Amino acid sequence: MRILFLTLSLLLLLTGCNPKPGGKIEAAQKLKCDQFYIREEEVEKEAISLAKKVSGVDDAAAVVLKENTKRKIVVGVKVSNFNRLRMKGIRKEIYDDLEAKYKDGEIHVSTDAKVYKEIETLQKKGTPGSKEESCNQKKELKKIEKDMKG
């Protein structure tokens, strides 16, 4: 009985600790960056001014990355006091304004304070000087988008 128990335990231990085949290859492919992403600072400024025009918005930050013909617009807004009660309406109004102006872009708007700070930090980094910086900014933007979705 002991021998059977030890054999099964050893078998489970060995099969449970084996790495997934191809796991390292998948990680390497995720890190691969083959494009230079362009920051469109003029569009960022326009998106910020559009967001600030909405009633209840204290401050706004935006990052716009363009790859090939696709434009990705990510806006974070700072809302305080009683305006926090109508955050959903504020988000929708900003989204509708941006969508009307930039039909070719993928637009994300957030009223979350943490996301706003992350977008503001990324915005302050400015235009990337190298391909590596460009890829890092793209990765940060993807992380922010993931945080926005929950």
N, C-alpha and C. Protein backbone atom coordinates (compact mmCIF):
# COMPACT_ATOMS: atom_id res chain seq x y z
N MET A 1 0.82 -1.19 0.00
CA MET A 1 0.00 0.00 0.00
C MET A 1 0.87 1.26 0.00
N ARG A 2 1.93 1.23 0.81
CA ARG A 2 2.83 2.38 0.87
C ARG A 2 3.51 2.63 -0.47
N ILE A 3 3.92 1.56 -1.09
CA ILE A 3 4.61 1.69 -2.37
C ILE A 3 3.69 2.29 -3.42
N LEU A 4 2.44 1.87 -3.43
CA LEU A 4 1.46 2.42 -4.36
C LEU A 4 1.24 3.91 -4.10
N PHE A 5 1.11 4.28 -2.83
CA PHE A 5 0.91 5.69 -2.45
C PHE A 5 2.12 6.54 -2.86
N LEU A 6 3.32 6.07 -2.59
CA LEU A 6 4.54 6.80 -2.94
C LEU A 6 4.68 6.94 -4.46
N THR A 7 4.35 5.87 -5.18
CA THR A 7 4.44 5.90 -6.63
C THR A 7 3.46 6.91 -7.21
N LEU A 8 2.22 6.90 -6.74
CA LEU A 8 1.22 7.86 -7.22
C LEU A 8 1.59 9.30 -6.85
N SER A 9 2.10 9.50 -5.65
CA SER A 9 2.52 10.84 -5.22
C SER A 9 3.65 11.36 -6.09
N LEU A 10 4.62 10.51 -6.36
CA LEU A 10 5.75 10.89 -7.20
C LEU A 10 5.29 11.18 -8.62
N LEU A 11 4.38 10.38 -9.14
CA LEU A 11 3.84 10.57 -10.48
C LEU A 11 3.09 11.91 -10.57
N LEU A 12 2.26 12.22 -9.59
CA LEU A 12 1.52 13.49 -9.57
C LEU A 12 2.47 14.68 -9.46
N LEU A 13 3.47 14.54 -8.63
CA LEU A 13 4.44 15.62 -8.44
C LEU A 13 5.19 15.91 -9.73
N LEU A 14 5.62 14.87 -10.42
CA LEU A 14 6.38 15.05 -11.65
C LEU A 14 5.52 15.60 -12.79
N THR A 15 4.30 15.14 -12.93
CA THR A 15 3.46 15.61 -14.03
C THR A 15 2.90 17.01 -13.75
N GLY A 16 2.70 17.33 -12.50
CA GLY A 16 2.16 18.65 -12.16
C GLY A 16 3.18 19.76 -12.27
N CYS A 17 4.44 19.45 -12.20
CA CYS A 17 5.49 20.47 -12.23
C CYS A 17 6.11 20.65 -13.62
N ASN A 18 5.68 19.88 -14.60
CA ASN A 18 6.24 20.02 -15.93
C ASN A 18 5.77 21.34 -16.54
N PRO A 19 6.67 22.09 -17.15
CA PRO A 19 6.26 23.33 -17.81
C PRO A 19 5.43 23.03 -19.05
N LYS A 20 4.56 23.97 -19.38
CA LYS A 20 3.73 23.82 -20.56
C LYS A 20 4.61 23.91 -21.81
N PRO A 21 4.51 22.96 -22.73
CA PRO A 21 5.35 23.03 -23.92
C PRO A 21 5.01 24.28 -24.74
N GLY A 22 6.04 24.98 -25.18
CA GLY A 22 5.83 26.17 -26.00
C GLY A 22 5.55 27.42 -25.17
N GLY A 23 5.62 27.35 -23.87
CA GLY A 23 5.33 28.49 -23.01
C GLY A 23 6.30 29.63 -23.20
N LYS A 24 7.57 29.31 -23.35
CA LYS A 24 8.58 30.34 -23.55
C LYS A 24 8.46 30.99 -24.92
N ILE A 25 8.04 30.24 -25.90
CA ILE A 25 7.86 30.77 -27.25
C ILE A 25 6.73 31.80 -27.26
N GLU A 26 5.62 31.50 -26.57
CA GLU A 26 4.51 32.43 -26.51
C GLU A 26 4.92 33.74 -25.85
N ALA A 27 5.69 33.66 -24.76
CA ALA A 27 6.14 34.86 -24.08
C ALA A 27 7.05 35.69 -24.97
N ALA A 28 7.91 35.04 -25.72
CA ALA A 28 8.81 35.76 -26.62
C ALA A 28 8.04 36.46 -27.73
N GLN A 29 6.98 35.83 -28.22
CA GLN A 29 6.18 36.44 -29.27
C GLN A 29 5.42 37.65 -28.75
N LYS A 30 4.99 37.62 -27.50
CA LYS A 30 4.27 38.76 -26.92
C LYS A 30 5.19 39.97 -26.80
N LEU A 31 6.47 39.75 -26.51
CA LEU A 31 7.41 40.85 -26.33
C LEU A 31 7.88 41.44 -27.65
N LYS A 32 7.64 40.74 -28.74
CA LYS A 32 8.10 41.18 -30.05
C LYS A 32 7.36 42.46 -30.46
N CYS A 33 8.11 43.42 -30.91
CA CYS A 33 7.53 44.68 -31.34
C CYS A 33 8.14 45.01 -32.70
N ASP A 34 7.31 45.09 -33.72
CA ASP A 34 7.84 45.26 -35.07
C ASP A 34 7.48 46.60 -35.70
N GLN A 35 6.82 47.49 -34.95
CA GLN A 35 6.40 48.76 -35.54
C GLN A 35 6.82 49.93 -34.67
N PHE A 36 6.84 51.09 -35.29
CA PHE A 36 7.07 52.33 -34.58
C PHE A 36 5.72 53.02 -34.48
N TYR A 37 5.25 53.21 -33.26
CA TYR A 37 3.95 53.83 -33.04
C TYR A 37 4.12 55.34 -32.90
N ILE A 38 3.28 56.08 -33.57
CA ILE A 38 3.39 57.53 -33.61
C ILE A 38 2.44 58.15 -32.60
N ARG A 39 2.95 59.05 -31.77
CA ARG A 39 2.10 59.81 -30.85
C ARG A 39 1.62 61.05 -31.58
N GLU A 40 0.33 61.29 -31.58
CA GLU A 40 -0.26 62.46 -32.23
C GLU A 40 -0.62 63.48 -31.15
N GLU A 41 0.31 64.37 -30.86
CA GLU A 41 0.13 65.32 -29.76
C GLU A 41 -0.93 66.38 -30.07
N GLU A 42 -1.11 66.73 -31.32
CA GLU A 42 -2.15 67.70 -31.67
C GLU A 42 -3.54 67.12 -31.39
N VAL A 43 -3.71 65.86 -31.74
CA VAL A 43 -4.99 65.19 -31.49
C VAL A 43 -5.21 65.05 -29.99
N GLU A 44 -4.12 64.79 -29.24
CA GLU A 44 -4.22 64.70 -27.78
C GLU A 44 -4.73 66.02 -27.20
N LYS A 45 -4.17 67.13 -27.66
CA LYS A 45 -4.59 68.45 -27.16
C LYS A 45 -6.05 68.72 -27.50
N GLU A 46 -6.48 68.35 -28.69
CA GLU A 46 -7.87 68.54 -29.09
C GLU A 46 -8.80 67.67 -28.25
N ALA A 47 -8.40 66.44 -27.97
CA ALA A 47 -9.21 65.54 -27.16
C ALA A 47 -9.34 66.07 -25.73
N ILE A 48 -8.25 66.62 -25.21
CA ILE A 48 -8.28 67.19 -23.86
C ILE A 48 -9.21 68.40 -23.81
N SER A 49 -9.12 69.26 -24.82
CA SER A 49 -9.98 70.45 -24.82
C SER A 49 -11.46 70.06 -24.98
N LEU A 50 -11.74 69.04 -25.80
CA LEU A 50 -13.11 68.55 -25.93
C LEU A 50 -13.63 68.00 -24.60
N ALA A 51 -12.79 67.26 -23.90
CA ALA A 51 -13.20 66.67 -22.62
C ALA A 51 -13.42 67.75 -21.57
N LYS A 52 -12.57 68.77 -21.55
CA LYS A 52 -12.70 69.83 -20.54
C LYS A 52 -13.93 70.69 -20.76
N LYS A 53 -14.45 70.71 -21.99
CA LYS A 53 -15.65 71.49 -22.27
C LYS A 53 -16.91 70.89 -21.64
N VAL A 54 -16.85 69.60 -21.34
CA VAL A 54 -18.00 68.92 -20.76
C VAL A 54 -18.18 69.37 -19.30
N SER A 55 -19.40 69.68 -18.95
CA SER A 55 -19.72 70.13 -17.60
C SER A 55 -19.41 69.04 -16.58
N GLY A 56 -18.69 69.41 -15.53
CA GLY A 56 -18.35 68.46 -14.48
C GLY A 56 -16.95 67.91 -14.55
N VAL A 57 -16.22 68.19 -15.61
CA VAL A 57 -14.85 67.70 -15.77
C VAL A 57 -13.89 68.74 -15.21
N ASP A 58 -13.08 68.33 -14.24
CA ASP A 58 -12.09 69.22 -13.65
C ASP A 58 -10.80 69.27 -14.47
N ASP A 59 -10.35 68.12 -14.92
CA ASP A 59 -9.11 68.04 -15.69
C ASP A 59 -9.19 66.81 -16.60
N ALA A 60 -8.35 66.78 -17.60
CA ALA A 60 -8.34 65.66 -18.54
C ALA A 60 -6.92 65.38 -19.01
N ALA A 61 -6.69 64.13 -19.38
CA ALA A 61 -5.42 63.70 -19.97
C ALA A 61 -5.75 62.74 -21.11
N ALA A 62 -4.93 62.78 -22.15
CA ALA A 62 -5.19 61.91 -23.31
C ALA A 62 -3.88 61.43 -23.91
N VAL A 63 -3.95 60.24 -24.47
CA VAL A 63 -2.83 59.68 -25.23
C VAL A 63 -3.41 59.15 -26.53
N VAL A 64 -2.76 59.53 -27.63
CA VAL A 64 -3.21 59.07 -28.95
C VAL A 64 -2.03 58.41 -29.64
N LEU A 65 -2.18 57.13 -29.94
CA LEU A 65 -1.15 56.39 -30.68
C LEU A 65 -1.71 56.00 -32.03
N LYS A 66 -0.88 56.11 -33.03
CA LYS A 66 -1.31 55.74 -34.38
C LYS A 66 -0.35 54.69 -34.92
N GLU A 67 -0.93 53.60 -35.39
CA GLU A 67 -0.15 52.56 -36.05
C GLU A 67 -0.78 52.32 -37.41
N ASN A 68 0.00 52.47 -38.45
CA ASN A 68 -0.51 52.41 -39.82
C ASN A 68 -1.65 53.41 -39.98
N THR A 69 -2.86 52.94 -40.21
CA THR A 69 -3.99 53.86 -40.37
C THR A 69 -4.92 53.84 -39.16
N LYS A 70 -4.63 52.98 -38.19
CA LYS A 70 -5.47 52.89 -37.00
C LYS A 70 -5.02 53.89 -35.94
N ARG A 71 -5.99 54.62 -35.40
CA ARG A 71 -5.71 55.59 -34.35
C ARG A 71 -6.40 55.12 -33.07
N LYS A 72 -5.66 55.14 -31.98
CA LYS A 72 -6.21 54.73 -30.68
C LYS A 72 -6.18 55.95 -29.76
N ILE A 73 -7.38 56.36 -29.31
CA ILE A 73 -7.51 57.54 -28.45
C ILE A 73 -7.96 57.07 -27.07
N VAL A 74 -7.14 57.36 -26.06
CA VAL A 74 -7.46 56.99 -24.69
C VAL A 74 -7.49 58.27 -23.86
N VAL A 75 -8.65 58.54 -23.23
CA VAL A 75 -8.84 59.76 -22.47
C VAL A 75 -9.22 59.41 -21.04
N GLY A 76 -8.58 60.08 -20.10
CA GLY A 76 -8.94 59.95 -18.69
C GLY A 76 -9.35 61.32 -18.18
N VAL A 77 -10.45 61.37 -17.45
CA VAL A 77 -10.92 62.65 -16.93
C VAL A 77 -11.01 62.60 -15.41
N LYS A 78 -10.78 63.77 -14.82
CA LYS A 78 -10.85 63.91 -13.37
C LYS A 78 -12.18 64.58 -13.05
N VAL A 79 -12.98 63.88 -12.25
CA VAL A 79 -14.30 64.38 -11.86
C VAL A 79 -14.35 64.39 -10.34
N SER A 80 -14.86 65.48 -9.76
CA SER A 80 -14.90 65.54 -8.30
C SER A 80 -16.26 66.04 -7.81
N ASN A 81 -16.41 65.94 -6.50
CA ASN A 81 -17.61 66.40 -5.78
C ASN A 81 -18.88 65.76 -6.30
N PHE A 82 -19.95 66.54 -6.42
CA PHE A 82 -21.24 65.99 -6.79
C PHE A 82 -21.29 65.54 -8.25
N ASN A 83 -20.34 65.95 -9.05
CA ASN A 83 -20.31 65.52 -10.44
C ASN A 83 -20.00 64.02 -10.55
N ARG A 84 -19.46 63.45 -9.48
CA ARG A 84 -19.16 62.02 -9.48
C ARG A 84 -20.44 61.19 -9.58
N LEU A 85 -21.58 61.80 -9.25
CA LEU A 85 -22.85 61.08 -9.32
C LEU A 85 -23.29 60.85 -10.76
N ARG A 86 -22.76 61.64 -11.68
CA ARG A 86 -23.15 61.48 -13.08
C ARG A 86 -21.96 61.15 -13.98
N MET A 87 -21.06 60.31 -13.46
CA MET A 87 -19.86 59.92 -14.22
C MET A 87 -20.20 59.19 -15.51
N LYS A 88 -21.20 58.33 -15.47
CA LYS A 88 -21.56 57.57 -16.67
C LYS A 88 -21.99 58.52 -17.79
N GLY A 89 -22.78 59.53 -17.45
CA GLY A 89 -23.22 60.51 -18.43
C GLY A 89 -22.06 61.34 -18.97
N ILE A 90 -21.13 61.69 -18.10
CA ILE A 90 -19.94 62.45 -18.51
C ILE A 90 -19.11 61.62 -19.49
N ARG A 91 -18.89 60.35 -19.14
CA ARG A 91 -18.12 59.46 -20.04
C ARG A 91 -18.79 59.37 -21.41
N LYS A 92 -20.09 59.18 -21.42
CA LYS A 92 -20.83 59.03 -22.68
C LYS A 92 -20.76 60.31 -23.50
N GLU A 93 -20.89 61.45 -22.86
CA GLU A 93 -20.85 62.73 -23.58
C GLU A 93 -19.48 62.95 -24.22
N ILE A 94 -18.43 62.67 -23.47
CA ILE A 94 -17.07 62.82 -24.02
C ILE A 94 -16.85 61.83 -25.16
N TYR A 95 -17.28 60.59 -24.96
CA TYR A 95 -17.13 59.57 -25.99
C TYR A 95 -17.85 59.99 -27.27
N ASP A 96 -19.08 60.48 -27.14
CA ASP A 96 -19.86 60.90 -28.32
C ASP A 96 -19.19 62.07 -29.05
N ASP A 97 -18.67 63.04 -28.28
CA ASP A 97 -17.97 64.18 -28.89
C ASP A 97 -16.73 63.73 -29.66
N LEU A 98 -15.96 62.83 -29.05
CA LEU A 98 -14.74 62.33 -29.70
C LEU A 98 -15.07 61.48 -30.92
N GLU A 99 -16.10 60.67 -30.80
CA GLU A 99 -16.49 59.81 -31.91
C GLU A 99 -16.97 60.65 -33.10
N ALA A 100 -17.66 61.75 -32.82
CA ALA A 100 -18.14 62.62 -33.90
C ALA A 100 -16.96 63.27 -34.64
N LYS A 101 -15.91 63.60 -33.89
CA LYS A 101 -14.76 64.27 -34.50
C LYS A 101 -13.77 63.29 -35.13
N TYR A 102 -13.56 62.14 -34.48
CA TYR A 102 -12.57 61.16 -34.96
C TYR A 102 -13.27 59.83 -35.23
N LYS A 103 -13.88 59.73 -36.37
CA LYS A 103 -14.62 58.51 -36.72
C LYS A 103 -13.70 57.33 -37.00
N ASP A 104 -12.45 57.61 -37.39
CA ASP A 104 -11.52 56.55 -37.76
C ASP A 104 -10.77 55.96 -36.57
N GLY A 105 -11.05 56.45 -35.35
CA GLY A 105 -10.28 56.01 -34.20
C GLY A 105 -11.03 55.07 -33.28
N GLU A 106 -10.25 54.32 -32.52
CA GLU A 106 -10.78 53.48 -31.45
C GLU A 106 -10.68 54.32 -30.19
N ILE A 107 -11.81 54.60 -29.55
CA ILE A 107 -11.86 55.57 -28.46
C ILE A 107 -12.19 54.88 -27.14
N HIS A 108 -11.45 55.26 -26.09
CA HIS A 108 -11.70 54.77 -24.74
C HIS A 108 -11.71 55.99 -23.81
N VAL A 109 -12.73 56.09 -22.95
CA VAL A 109 -12.85 57.19 -22.00
C VAL A 109 -13.04 56.60 -20.61
N SER A 110 -12.31 57.15 -19.63
CA SER A 110 -12.42 56.66 -18.26
C SER A 110 -12.55 57.82 -17.29
N THR A 111 -13.36 57.61 -16.24
CA THR A 111 -13.48 58.60 -15.17
C THR A 111 -12.83 58.08 -13.89
N ASP A 112 -12.14 56.97 -13.98
CA ASP A 112 -11.46 56.38 -12.83
C ASP A 112 -10.22 57.21 -12.49
N ALA A 113 -10.03 57.53 -11.20
CA ALA A 113 -8.92 58.38 -10.77
C ALA A 113 -7.55 57.73 -11.04
N LYS A 114 -7.44 56.43 -10.79
CA LYS A 114 -6.17 55.74 -11.00
C LYS A 114 -5.80 55.71 -12.49
N VAL A 115 -6.78 55.41 -13.32
CA VAL A 115 -6.55 55.38 -14.77
C VAL A 115 -6.17 56.77 -15.27
N TYR A 116 -6.85 57.79 -14.74
CA TYR A 116 -6.52 59.18 -15.13
C TYR A 116 -5.05 59.48 -14.84
N LYS A 117 -4.58 59.11 -13.65
CA LYS A 117 -3.17 59.36 -13.27
C LYS A 117 -2.21 58.61 -14.20
N GLU A 118 -2.54 57.36 -14.55
CA GLU A 118 -1.67 56.58 -15.44
C GLU A 118 -1.62 57.20 -16.83
N ILE A 119 -2.76 57.67 -17.32
CA ILE A 119 -2.79 58.31 -18.64
C ILE A 119 -2.00 59.61 -18.60
N GLU A 120 -2.16 60.36 -17.53
CA GLU A 120 -1.43 61.63 -17.38
C GLU A 120 0.08 61.39 -17.36
N THR A 121 0.51 60.34 -16.65
CA THR A 121 1.94 59.99 -16.59
C THR A 121 2.46 59.62 -17.98
N LEU A 122 1.70 58.81 -18.69
CA LEU A 122 2.11 58.40 -20.04
C LEU A 122 2.13 59.59 -20.99
N GLN A 123 1.18 60.49 -20.83
CA GLN A 123 1.12 61.67 -21.69
C GLN A 123 2.35 62.56 -21.48
N LYS A 124 2.80 62.69 -20.24
CA LYS A 124 3.95 63.54 -19.92
C LYS A 124 5.25 63.00 -20.48
N LYS A 125 5.29 61.71 -20.80
CA LYS A 125 6.52 61.12 -21.37
C LYS A 125 6.81 61.67 -22.76
N GLY A 126 5.81 62.16 -23.44
CA GLY A 126 6.01 62.77 -24.75
C GLY A 126 6.22 61.76 -25.86
N THR A 127 6.61 62.29 -27.01
CA THR A 127 6.81 61.48 -28.20
C THR A 127 8.03 60.58 -28.03
N PRO A 128 7.90 59.29 -28.33
CA PRO A 128 9.03 58.38 -28.19
C PRO A 128 10.12 58.68 -29.22
N GLY A 129 11.36 58.55 -28.78
CA GLY A 129 12.49 58.83 -29.67
C GLY A 129 12.99 57.60 -30.40
N SER A 130 12.72 56.44 -29.85
CA SER A 130 13.21 55.21 -30.48
C SER A 130 12.07 54.20 -30.60
N LYS A 131 12.35 53.15 -31.34
CA LYS A 131 11.37 52.09 -31.54
C LYS A 131 11.07 51.39 -30.22
N GLU A 132 12.09 51.23 -29.41
CA GLU A 132 11.92 50.57 -28.11
C GLU A 132 11.01 51.39 -27.19
N GLU A 133 11.23 52.70 -27.13
CA GLU A 133 10.37 53.58 -26.33
C GLU A 133 8.94 53.53 -26.84
N SER A 134 8.80 53.51 -28.15
CA SER A 134 7.49 53.44 -28.78
C SER A 134 6.75 52.17 -28.36
N CYS A 135 7.46 51.05 -28.38
CA CYS A 135 6.86 49.78 -27.98
C CYS A 135 6.50 49.77 -26.50
N ASN A 136 7.35 50.37 -25.67
CA ASN A 136 7.06 50.45 -24.24
C ASN A 136 5.80 51.27 -23.98
N GLN A 137 5.65 52.39 -24.71
CA GLN A 137 4.45 53.21 -24.55
C GLN A 137 3.21 52.45 -25.01
N LYS A 138 3.35 51.68 -26.07
CA LYS A 138 2.22 50.87 -26.56
C LYS A 138 1.82 49.84 -25.50
N LYS A 139 2.81 49.21 -24.86
CA LYS A 139 2.54 48.22 -23.83
C LYS A 139 1.85 48.87 -22.63
N GLU A 140 2.33 50.07 -22.24
CA GLU A 140 1.70 50.78 -21.12
C GLU A 140 0.26 51.13 -21.45
N LEU A 141 0.02 51.54 -22.70
CA LEU A 141 -1.33 51.89 -23.12
C LEU A 141 -2.24 50.66 -23.09
N LYS A 142 -1.71 49.51 -23.49
CA LYS A 142 -2.51 48.28 -23.43
C LYS A 142 -2.86 47.92 -22.00
N LYS A 143 -1.92 48.13 -21.08
CA LYS A 143 -2.17 47.87 -19.66
C LYS A 143 -3.26 48.80 -19.15
N ILE A 144 -3.20 50.07 -19.52
CA ILE A 144 -4.21 51.03 -19.11
C ILE A 144 -5.58 50.62 -19.64
N GLU A 145 -5.64 50.21 -20.92
CA GLU A 145 -6.90 49.77 -21.50
C GLU A 145 -7.45 48.56 -20.76
N LYS A 146 -6.56 47.66 -20.37
CA LYS A 146 -6.98 46.48 -19.62
C LYS A 146 -7.55 46.90 -18.27
N ASP A 147 -6.92 47.88 -17.60
CA ASP A 147 -7.43 48.39 -16.33
C ASP A 147 -8.79 49.05 -16.50
N MET A 148 -9.00 49.70 -17.65
CA MET A 148 -10.26 50.38 -17.92
C MET A 148 -11.40 49.37 -18.05
N LYS A 149 -11.10 48.21 -18.59
CA LYS A 149 -12.14 47.20 -18.83
C LYS A 149 -12.45 46.40 -17.57
N GLY A 150 -11.61 46.52 -16.56
CA GLY A 150 -11.91 45.86 -15.29
C GLY A 150 -11.20 44.63 -15.03
